[in-house]
């Protein structure tokens, strides 16, 4: 959350926050996988601030609709979703048509 707060406020105290600052300044894609919970008001405000600056907040939340069989599949799904945000082809996250073919029923 400290890193998120620095990015949201435009602070650059280390290489990571400086790189994020430059990425936003140059209007390139910045994806932050914020993992801390529960969230307080300051966390939410910082996420909103980064989003309004053009960043994407993508928490690594397990997608149970994909019916993961183990922890590796949960991690692969989160990584695959983030790779999708960068337009990088991957087979880590199941696609809806694949999930339906494997027995997932829509509600």
Protein backbone atom coordinates (compact mmCIF):
# COMPACT_ATOMS: atom_id res chain seq x y z
CA UNK A 1 0.00 0.00 0.00
CA UNK A 2 2.98 2.30 0.53
CA UNK A 3 3.97 1.87 -3.12
CA UNK A 4 0.39 2.52 -4.24
CA UNK A 5 0.28 5.67 -2.07
CA UNK A 6 3.55 6.94 -3.56
CA UNK A 7 2.33 6.34 -7.11
CA UNK A 8 -1.02 8.00 -6.37
CA UNK A 9 0.70 11.08 -4.94
CA UNK A 10 3.40 11.32 -7.63
CA UNK A 11 6.24 10.51 -5.22
CA UNK A 12 9.28 8.69 -6.56
CA UNK A 13 11.42 7.43 -3.70
CA UNK A 14 12.72 4.32 -5.48
CA UNK A 15 13.12 2.79 -8.92
CA UNK A 16 9.72 1.09 -8.87
CA UNK A 17 7.73 4.24 -8.08
CA UNK A 18 9.84 6.28 -10.52
CA UNK A 19 9.13 3.75 -13.28
CA UNK A 20 5.40 3.90 -12.48
CA UNK A 21 5.51 7.70 -12.56
CA UNK A 22 7.21 7.74 -15.96
CA UNK A 23 4.81 5.09 -17.28
CA UNK A 24 1.81 7.22 -16.34
CA UNK A 25 3.47 10.40 -17.60
CA UNK A 26 4.07 8.78 -20.99
CA UNK A 27 0.49 7.45 -21.07
CA UNK A 28 1.66 3.84 -21.20
CA UNK A 29 -0.16 0.96 -19.53
CA UNK A 30 0.42 0.59 -15.79
CA UNK A 31 -1.14 -2.40 -14.06
CA UNK A 32 -0.96 -2.70 -10.28
CA UNK A 33 -1.82 -6.01 -8.61
CA UNK A 34 -2.82 -4.67 -5.21
CA UNK A 35 -2.93 -7.60 -2.80
CA UNK A 36 -3.62 -6.22 0.67
CA UNK A 37 -7.00 -6.67 2.32
CA UNK A 38 -9.07 -5.50 4.01
CA UNK A 39 -9.00 -2.09 2.41
CA UNK A 40 -9.46 1.17 4.24
CA UNK A 41 -10.61 4.49 2.85
CA UNK A 42 -7.06 5.68 2.09
CA UNK A 43 -6.35 2.53 0.06
CA UNK A 44 -9.52 2.98 -1.96
CA UNK A 45 -8.80 6.67 -2.56
CA UNK A 46 -5.29 5.83 -3.75
CA UNK A 47 -6.65 3.17 -6.12
CA UNK A 48 -9.15 5.67 -7.49
CA UNK A 49 -6.42 8.28 -7.91
CA UNK A 50 -4.18 5.87 -9.86
CA UNK A 51 -7.15 4.79 -11.98
CA UNK A 52 -7.99 8.41 -12.78
CA UNK A 53 -4.35 8.89 -13.83
CA UNK A 54 -4.70 6.03 -16.33
CA UNK A 55 -3.49 3.07 -14.29
CA UNK A 56 -5.33 -0.21 -13.96
CA UNK A 57 -5.91 -1.84 -10.58
CA UNK A 58 -6.07 -5.64 -11.00
CA UNK A 59 -6.13 -7.41 -7.64
CA UNK A 60 -5.01 -11.05 -7.81
CA UNK A 61 -8.41 -12.38 -6.76
CA UNK A 62 -8.97 -16.11 -7.30
CA UNK A 63 -11.54 -16.80 -9.99
CA UNK A 64 -13.49 -19.69 -8.53
CA UNK A 65 -15.84 -19.74 -11.53
CA UNK A 66 -12.94 -21.32 -13.43
CA UNK A 67 -13.02 -24.20 -10.92
CA UNK A 68 -9.29 -24.28 -10.17
CA UNK A 69 -8.00 -27.63 -8.98
CA UNK A 70 -4.96 -26.28 -7.13
CA UNK A 71 -3.07 -23.14 -6.15
CA UNK A 72 -1.02 -23.16 -9.36
CA UNK A 73 -4.19 -22.86 -11.44
CA UNK A 74 -5.35 -19.91 -9.31
CA UNK A 75 -2.03 -18.14 -9.79
CA UNK A 76 -1.95 -18.95 -13.51
CA UNK A 77 -5.42 -17.44 -13.94
CA UNK A 78 -4.43 -14.15 -12.27
CA UNK A 79 -1.21 -13.94 -14.29
CA UNK A 80 -3.07 -14.78 -17.50
CA UNK A 81 -5.63 -12.03 -16.89
CA UNK A 82 -2.85 -9.46 -16.38
CA UNK A 83 -1.03 -10.64 -19.51
CA UNK A 84 -4.35 -10.14 -21.34
CA UNK A 85 -4.34 -6.51 -20.16
CA UNK A 86 -1.02 -6.06 -21.95
CA UNK A 87 -2.26 -7.83 -25.10
CA UNK A 88 0.13 -10.75 -24.58
CA UNK A 89 -1.25 -14.04 -25.88
CA UNK A 90 -1.28 -16.79 -23.28
CA UNK A 91 -3.09 -19.97 -22.32
CA UNK A 92 -2.98 -19.36 -18.56
CA UNK A 93 -6.53 -18.09 -18.07
CA UNK A 94 -9.38 -20.16 -19.42
CA UNK A 95 -11.66 -18.43 -21.87
CA UNK A 96 -15.44 -18.47 -21.41
CA UNK A 97 -16.04 -20.80 -24.36
CA UNK A 98 -13.45 -23.23 -22.93
CA UNK A 99 -14.98 -23.01 -19.46
CA UNK A 100 -18.48 -23.68 -20.81
CA UNK A 101 -17.20 -26.65 -22.85
CA UNK A 102 -15.76 -28.08 -19.62
CA UNK A 103 -19.04 -27.93 -17.74
CA UNK A 104 -19.30 -24.40 -16.36
CA UNK A 105 -22.91 -23.33 -16.53
CA UNK A 106 -23.85 -19.70 -16.85
CA UNK A 107 -26.31 -18.39 -14.26
